[in-house]
Amino acid sequence: MRLKAASQTGAGIDADIILESDGKRFLLDYMPRANPVLAVNDFEAGDDMVYVVGPFSRLPDAITLRNDAATGWDVVKSLGDSFIRGVESVLSNARTFLLSLIGGNADHVATNKKTWTAEELAQIGSAPSEFAISLNGGGEGKYTVHGSIRRVGEGTSAYGDWAEYRVSLDRLYCNSESEWDRGSDSDEPFVLALLVPLPGQVQKRRAGPYGDVDSKESRDINHTFQTVRVPKNAGMLSVALSLWESDDESASDRDKLLSKFAGETDRATDVPRRGFLDTLGAAIAADWRLAEIEVYAFTRVGTLRSGKVLHQTVNRWVKADGSIRLPLNTGAVRNWRVQSADLERLR
């Protein structure tokens, strides 16, 4: 079996790679018990190594390569969970801490968010993907913010593969206006909007107030946040919104509300965002990127049989304590006609 590691920085590891198949395990290591000064590091970035494993009682239909390194991905996941809880805690308390700032001069309608996990971001392509965030304030009014997200770039760094995303807020739709607005027969809503990446800096935007908004009407927001870059395997994005009904507040009051909203969100998510890249880097250091694999099977028992049962460009990360399963083409093995004397020499 020939294994070639990717040549990019960080693709190699010092940990063991184990081959598993048909209930057997084989350590892929030329000098597993050697003095560290003399030992071979089998899986450096760009290494092209050949191993012989077996014997097997039959030709397996698949092999599994397992990265036996200790994992740091549990810590990365924990930071992601903490990030989500931080955003949610701000939203659940937004009405209280924002009303205390503005003194009731504007009415809080509703607060909500849209969060994309790493798995969900992986499904976003270069074409805009639309989303909608409901802001249901009951008798204070019911609204929906429509927007879109798309992937605009991707690449590789020391922290693994990354992708860049562009998030836009397109329009505010009034599903139903408020039942009573201090004597007015229409609503004057404004939106406090945040883009919160993991990792990255919180971005903020205020839209409105919009005058004379009635049920079933829309108002354009037309704002695109700055492009954000997040790791493909662990990064997240969240759009947090707080909708208010304008009354007696000033433009300065509205700006203070936005700054307070952004500041509280920044503080609530600071720990996971600040420590995320270092933790991710440590976890990725235990990952291995397999570029190519080639497997040649043979037997010298009875009739000589052999063949190349796998030759594949893989180019995939195998995370610490993770594995990759590769099927073998058992039909590629053929019989060879040899003389008895030749077969004895082969044995």
Protein backbone atom coordinates (compact mmCIF):
# COMPACT_ATOMS: atom_id res chain seq x y z
CA MET A 1 0.00 0.00 0.00
CA ARG A 2 1.34 3.42 -0.98
CA LEU A 3 0.18 6.48 0.98
CA LYS A 4 1.02 10.02 -0.04
CA ALA A 5 0.34 12.86 2.41
CA ALA A 6 -0.69 16.26 1.10
CA SER A 7 2.20 18.69 0.73
CA GLN A 8 0.45 21.73 2.25
CA THR A 9 1.53 23.13 5.61
CA GLY A 10 -0.05 21.25 8.51
CA ALA A 11 -1.03 18.19 6.43
CA GLY A 12 1.40 15.87 8.24
CA ILE A 13 1.19 14.47 11.78
CA ASP A 14 3.38 12.75 14.35
CA ALA A 15 0.61 10.40 15.47
CA ASP A 16 0.02 6.78 14.44
CA ILE A 17 -2.04 5.75 11.43
CA ILE A 18 -3.79 2.40 11.83
CA LEU A 19 -5.13 0.22 9.01
CA GLU A 20 -8.25 -1.73 9.97
CA SER A 21 -9.87 -4.44 7.87
CA ASP A 22 -11.67 -7.74 8.45
CA GLY A 23 -11.24 -7.43 12.20
CA LYS A 24 -7.48 -6.87 12.02
CA ARG A 25 -5.41 -3.78 12.90
CA PHE A 26 -1.99 -2.90 11.53
CA LEU A 27 0.21 -0.05 12.73
CA LEU A 28 1.72 1.72 9.72
CA ASP A 29 5.15 2.52 11.07
CA TYR A 30 8.60 1.57 9.80
CA MET A 31 10.26 1.83 13.23
CA PRO A 32 7.53 1.81 15.90
CA ARG A 33 9.89 0.95 18.79
CA ALA A 34 13.00 2.79 17.62
CA ASN A 35 15.03 5.34 19.55
CA PRO A 36 13.34 8.72 18.85
CA VAL A 37 16.61 10.00 17.39
CA LEU A 38 16.61 7.18 14.83
CA ALA A 39 12.86 6.78 14.30
CA VAL A 40 11.16 7.58 11.02
CA ASN A 41 8.29 10.09 11.10
CA ASP A 42 6.09 8.30 8.59
CA PHE A 43 3.48 10.97 7.91
CA GLU A 44 5.20 14.30 7.34
CA ALA A 45 3.59 16.64 4.82
CA GLY A 46 4.42 15.47 1.30
CA ASP A 47 5.71 12.03 2.38
CA ASP A 48 5.20 9.17 -0.09
CA MET A 49 5.49 5.89 1.85
CA VAL A 50 4.93 2.21 1.04
CA TYR A 51 3.79 -0.46 3.53
CA VAL A 52 3.04 -4.20 3.41
CA VAL A 53 0.13 -5.32 5.59
CA GLY A 54 -1.43 -8.73 6.14
CA PRO A 55 -1.82 -11.57 5.68
CA PHE A 56 -5.59 -11.84 5.34
CA SER A 57 -7.54 -15.08 4.94
CA ARG A 58 -9.31 -13.45 1.99
CA LEU A 59 -9.09 -10.23 0.02
CA PRO A 60 -11.05 -7.59 2.00
CA ASP A 61 -13.64 -5.54 0.16
CA ALA A 62 -12.57 -2.36 1.98
CA ILE A 63 -9.94 -0.88 4.27
CA THR A 64 -10.21 1.81 6.96
CA LEU A 65 -7.40 4.20 7.81
CA ARG A 66 -7.67 5.59 11.35
CA ASN A 67 -5.86 8.61 12.73
CA ASP A 68 -4.90 7.52 16.25
CA ALA A 69 -4.07 11.04 17.50
CA ALA A 70 -5.76 12.48 20.56
CA THR A 71 -8.56 14.83 19.55
CA GLY A 72 -8.98 18.49 20.40
CA TRP A 73 -12.22 18.77 18.44
CA ASP A 74 -14.35 18.35 21.55
CA VAL A 75 -12.95 21.65 22.79
CA VAL A 76 -13.66 23.29 19.41
CA LYS A 77 -17.25 22.02 19.55
CA SER A 78 -17.58 23.30 23.10
CA LEU A 79 -16.54 26.78 21.96
CA GLY A 80 -19.11 26.61 19.17
CA ASP A 81 -21.83 25.68 21.66
CA SER A 82 -20.72 28.54 23.92
CA PHE A 83 -20.91 30.94 20.96
CA ILE A 84 -24.52 29.97 20.25
CA ARG A 85 -25.49 30.25 23.93
CA GLY A 86 -23.88 33.69 24.06
CA VAL A 87 -25.93 34.99 21.15
CA GLU A 88 -29.11 33.45 22.56
CA SER A 89 -28.53 34.99 26.00
CA VAL A 90 -28.28 38.47 24.46
CA LEU A 91 -31.47 37.99 22.48
CA SER A 92 -33.42 36.74 25.48
CA ASN A 93 -32.38 39.79 27.53
CA ALA A 94 -32.35 42.39 24.74
CA ARG A 95 -35.67 43.99 25.62
CA THR A 96 -34.63 44.57 29.25
CA PHE A 97 -31.19 46.05 28.77
CA LEU A 98 -32.14 48.10 25.70
CA LEU A 99 -35.30 49.57 27.21
CA SER A 100 -33.30 50.61 30.27
CA LEU A 101 -31.03 52.56 27.94
CA ILE A 102 -33.71 54.37 25.97
CA GLY A 103 -36.21 54.88 28.77
CA GLY A 104 -39.29 53.68 26.88
CA ASN A 105 -39.07 56.31 24.14
CA ALA A 106 -39.25 53.50 21.57
CA ASP A 107 -41.22 50.25 21.77
CA HIS A 108 -39.49 46.90 21.53
CA VAL A 109 -41.29 44.65 19.04
CA ALA A 110 -39.28 41.44 18.77
CA THR A 111 -35.78 39.95 18.64
CA ASN A 112 -34.62 36.88 16.74
CA LYS A 113 -31.64 35.34 14.93
CA LYS A 114 -30.53 33.03 12.15
CA THR A 115 -27.43 30.88 12.78
CA TRP A 116 -25.52 28.76 10.28
CA THR A 117 -23.40 25.91 11.63
CA ALA A 118 -20.32 24.65 9.79
CA GLU A 119 -22.40 21.86 8.25
CA GLU A 120 -25.04 24.31 7.04
CA LEU A 121 -22.44 26.73 5.66
CA ALA A 122 -20.95 23.87 3.66
CA GLN A 123 -24.25 23.69 1.73
CA ILE A 124 -24.07 27.37 0.70
CA GLY A 125 -22.84 27.86 -2.86
CA SER A 126 -21.83 30.82 -4.99
CA ALA A 127 -25.45 31.58 -5.90
CA PRO A 128 -27.40 33.61 -3.30
CA SER A 129 -29.30 31.44 -0.82
CA GLU A 130 -32.31 33.25 0.59
CA PHE A 131 -33.30 33.24 4.26
CA ALA A 132 -36.06 34.84 6.33
CA ILE A 133 -36.06 35.84 9.99
CA SER A 134 -39.43 36.22 11.69
CA LEU A 135 -39.90 39.06 14.19
CA ASN A 136 -43.23 38.36 15.85
CA GLY A 137 -44.17 40.97 18.43
CA GLY A 138 -47.81 39.91 18.72
CA GLY A 139 -49.90 43.04 19.26
CA GLU A 140 -46.77 45.17 18.69
CA GLY A 141 -46.63 43.98 15.08
CA LYS A 142 -45.38 41.02 13.07
CA TYR A 143 -42.53 41.42 10.58
CA THR A 144 -40.11 39.36 8.50
CA VAL A 145 -36.62 40.34 7.40
CA HIS A 146 -35.59 38.75 4.11
CA GLY A 147 -31.94 38.34 3.15
CA SER A 148 -29.45 36.17 1.34
CA ILE A 149 -26.07 34.54 1.87
CA ARG A 150 -23.54 33.24 -0.64
CA ARG A 151 -20.01 31.87 -0.72
CA VAL A 152 -17.61 34.24 -2.47
CA GLY A 153 -14.22 32.57 -1.91
CA GLU A 154 -12.34 29.62 -0.45
CA GLY A 155 -8.80 28.50 0.22
CA THR A 156 -6.43 26.86 2.69
CA SER A 157 -4.38 28.16 5.61
CA ALA A 158 -2.60 26.84 8.69
CA TYR A 159 -6.05 26.53 10.27
CA GLY A 160 -7.31 24.27 7.49
CA ASP A 161 -9.72 25.02 4.66
CA TRP A 162 -11.64 28.30 4.85
CA ALA A 163 -14.55 29.87 3.02
CA GLU A 164 -15.65 33.49 2.64
CA TYR A 165 -19.32 34.48 2.83
CA ARG A 166 -21.28 37.60 2.02
CA VAL A 167 -24.53 38.23 3.90
CA SER A 168 -27.13 40.73 2.71
CA LEU A 169 -30.29 42.06 4.34
CA ASP A 170 -32.68 42.86 1.52
CA ARG A 171 -36.06 44.02 2.83
CA LEU A 172 -38.38 44.32 5.80
CA TYR A 173 -41.89 42.94 5.28
CA CYS A 174 -44.83 43.84 7.53
CA ASN A 175 -47.00 40.76 8.03
CA SER A 176 -49.36 42.75 10.25
CA GLU A 177 -48.93 46.17 11.82
CA SER A 178 -49.29 46.89 15.52
CA GLU A 179 -52.74 47.02 17.07
CA TRP A 180 -52.07 50.41 18.65
CA ASP A 181 -49.19 52.86 18.22
CA ARG A 182 -49.79 55.75 20.61
CA GLY A 183 -52.53 57.25 18.47
CA SER A 184 -50.89 56.65 15.08
CA ASP A 185 -52.63 54.61 12.40
CA SER A 186 -49.35 53.22 10.97
CA ASP A 187 -46.01 51.85 12.16
CA GLU A 188 -42.55 53.42 12.00
CA PRO A 189 -40.26 50.39 12.56
CA PHE A 190 -36.46 50.33 12.66
CA VAL A 191 -34.14 47.32 12.75
CA LEU A 192 -30.93 46.77 14.72
CA ALA A 193 -28.91 44.17 12.81
CA LEU A 194 -25.70 42.33 13.71
CA LEU A 195 -23.55 39.88 11.79
CA VAL A 196 -21.67 37.74 14.31
CA PRO A 197 -19.04 35.36 12.88
CA LEU A 198 -17.12 32.62 14.67
CA PRO A 199 -14.35 33.63 14.59
CA GLY A 200 -14.31 37.34 13.66
CA GLN A 201 -15.57 40.77 14.65
CA VAL A 202 -19.20 41.72 15.21
CA GLN A 203 -20.60 43.96 12.44
CA LYS A 204 -23.58 46.25 13.06
CA ARG A 205 -26.19 48.08 11.01
CA ARG A 206 -29.33 50.11 11.69
CA ALA A 207 -32.11 50.25 9.09
CA GLY A 208 -34.93 52.78 9.38
CA PRO A 209 -37.07 54.05 10.90
CA TYR A 210 -39.46 53.58 8.01
CA GLY A 211 -42.49 55.85 7.91
CA ASP A 212 -46.12 54.84 7.49
CA VAL A 213 -45.63 51.06 7.19
CA ASP A 214 -48.92 49.20 6.89
CA SER A 215 -49.77 45.50 6.80
CA LYS A 216 -48.54 43.62 3.70
CA GLU A 217 -46.05 46.38 2.81
CA SER A 218 -42.28 46.07 2.38
CA ARG A 219 -39.39 48.45 2.87
CA ASP A 220 -35.96 48.03 1.32
CA ILE A 221 -32.96 47.50 3.60
CA ASN A 222 -30.40 46.84 0.86
CA HIS A 223 -27.41 46.33 3.14
CA THR A 224 -24.53 43.93 2.54
CA PHE A 225 -22.19 43.24 5.44
CA GLN A 226 -18.45 43.07 4.87
CA THR A 227 -17.25 39.68 3.65
CA VAL A 228 -16.35 37.31 6.48
CA ARG A 229 -13.94 34.35 6.43
CA VAL A 230 -14.53 31.32 8.63
CA PRO A 231 -12.96 27.83 8.84
CA LYS A 232 -14.93 25.34 6.79
CA ASN A 233 -14.81 22.57 9.37
CA ALA A 234 -15.89 24.53 12.45
CA GLY A 235 -16.80 28.17 11.70
CA MET A 236 -20.26 29.64 12.22
CA LEU A 237 -22.25 32.73 11.30
CA SER A 238 -25.18 34.35 13.08
CA VAL A 239 -27.43 37.23 12.09
CA ALA A 240 -29.07 38.79 15.16
CA LEU A 241 -31.98 41.23 14.76
CA SER A 242 -33.92 43.45 17.13
CA LEU A 243 -36.98 45.28 15.79
CA TRP A 244 -38.28 48.49 17.39
CA GLU A 245 -41.19 50.84 16.86
CA SER A 246 -40.10 54.47 16.66
CA ASP A 247 -41.90 56.93 18.90
CA ASP A 248 -40.22 59.77 20.80
CA GLU A 249 -36.57 58.74 20.53
CA SER A 250 -33.93 60.65 18.57
CA ALA A 251 -31.50 59.40 15.94
CA SER A 252 -28.82 59.49 18.63
CA ASP A 253 -30.96 57.27 20.84
CA ARG A 254 -31.31 54.74 18.03
CA ASP A 255 -27.55 54.72 17.49
CA LYS A 256 -27.03 54.12 21.21
CA LEU A 257 -29.40 51.17 21.03
CA LEU A 258 -27.40 49.67 18.16
CA SER A 259 -24.08 50.18 19.95
CA LYS A 260 -25.47 48.62 23.13
CA PHE A 261 -26.87 45.65 21.19
CA ALA A 262 -23.52 45.10 19.45
CA GLY A 263 -21.51 45.60 22.65
CA GLU A 264 -23.53 43.10 24.67
CA THR A 265 -23.27 40.54 21.86
CA ASP A 266 -19.53 41.14 21.58
CA ARG A 267 -19.06 40.54 25.30
CA ALA A 268 -21.32 37.48 25.41
CA THR A 269 -19.40 35.79 22.58
CA ASP A 270 -15.92 37.15 23.31
CA VAL A 271 -14.46 34.07 24.99
CA PRO A 272 -15.34 31.54 22.26
CA ARG A 273 -14.42 33.97 19.45
CA ARG A 274 -11.11 35.02 21.04
CA GLY A 275 -9.87 31.51 21.79
CA PHE A 276 -11.32 29.83 18.74
CA LEU A 277 -8.43 30.00 16.26
CA ASP A 278 -5.80 28.86 18.77
CA THR A 279 -7.96 25.93 19.81
CA LEU A 280 -8.76 25.09 16.20
CA GLY A 281 -5.07 25.25 15.28
CA ALA A 282 -4.21 22.78 18.03
CA ALA A 283 -6.97 20.42 16.89
CA ILE A 284 -5.92 20.62 13.23
CA ALA A 285 -2.29 19.90 14.18
CA ALA A 286 -3.53 16.43 15.10
CA ASP A 287 -5.27 15.99 11.73
CA TRP A 288 -3.77 14.30 8.68
CA ARG A 289 -4.51 15.07 5.04
CA LEU A 290 -4.27 12.08 2.71
CA ALA A 291 -3.56 13.13 -0.86
CA GLU A 292 -3.35 9.79 -2.67
CA ILE A 293 -3.53 6.05 -2.01
CA GLU A 294 -2.55 3.02 -4.09
CA VAL A 295 -3.16 -0.58 -3.02
CA TYR A 296 -1.76 -3.67 -4.73
CA ALA A 297 -3.04 -7.06 -3.49
CA PHE A 298 -1.27 -10.37 -3.98
CA THR A 299 -1.21 -13.96 -2.77
CA ARG A 300 1.38 -16.70 -3.30
CA VAL A 301 -0.72 -19.48 -1.79
CA GLY A 302 -1.81 -21.92 -4.49
CA THR A 303 -2.24 -20.01 -7.74
CA LEU A 304 -0.32 -16.73 -7.91
CA ARG A 305 -2.91 -13.93 -7.95
CA SER A 306 -2.42 -10.16 -7.84
CA GLY A 307 -3.74 -6.83 -9.02
CA LYS A 308 -4.11 -3.11 -8.25
CA VAL A 309 -7.32 -2.93 -6.23
CA LEU A 310 -7.24 0.79 -5.46
CA HIS A 311 -5.58 3.88 -6.91
CA GLN A 312 -7.32 7.07 -5.92
CA THR A 313 -6.73 10.76 -5.38
CA VAL A 314 -8.26 11.35 -1.95
CA ASN A 315 -7.28 14.88 -0.87
CA ARG A 316 -9.25 14.68 2.40
CA TRP A 317 -8.56 15.49 6.02
CA VAL A 318 -8.67 12.62 8.49
CA LYS A 319 -9.37 14.25 11.84
CA ALA A 320 -7.76 13.14 15.10
CA ASP A 321 -9.47 9.95 16.29
CA GLY A 322 -11.26 9.92 12.93
CA SER A 323 -11.12 7.53 10.02
CA ILE A 324 -11.67 7.15 6.30
CA ARG A 325 -13.10 4.02 4.67
CA LEU A 326 -11.96 3.10 1.17
CA PRO A 327 -13.55 0.28 -0.88
CA LEU A 328 -11.31 -2.13 -2.79
CA ASN A 329 -11.96 -3.42 -6.30
CA THR A 330 -11.67 -7.13 -5.60
CA GLY A 331 -12.42 -7.88 -9.26
CA ALA A 332 -9.09 -6.34 -10.28
CA VAL A 333 -7.13 -9.37 -8.99
CA ARG A 334 -6.16 -11.85 -11.70
CA ASN A 335 -4.52 -15.29 -11.85
CA TRP A 336 -1.00 -15.67 -13.22
CA ARG A 337 0.20 -18.83 -14.94
CA VAL A 338 3.61 -19.83 -13.65
CA GLN A 339 5.71 -22.97 -13.70
CA SER A 340 5.84 -25.08 -10.56
CA ALA A 341 9.56 -24.40 -10.10
CA ASP A 342 8.96 -20.64 -10.38
CA LEU A 343 6.16 -20.84 -7.82
CA GLU A 344 8.45 -22.68 -5.36
CA ARG A 345 11.06 -19.94 -5.71
CA LEU A 346 8.37 -17.28 -5.09
CA ARG A 347 7.35 -19.07 -1.93
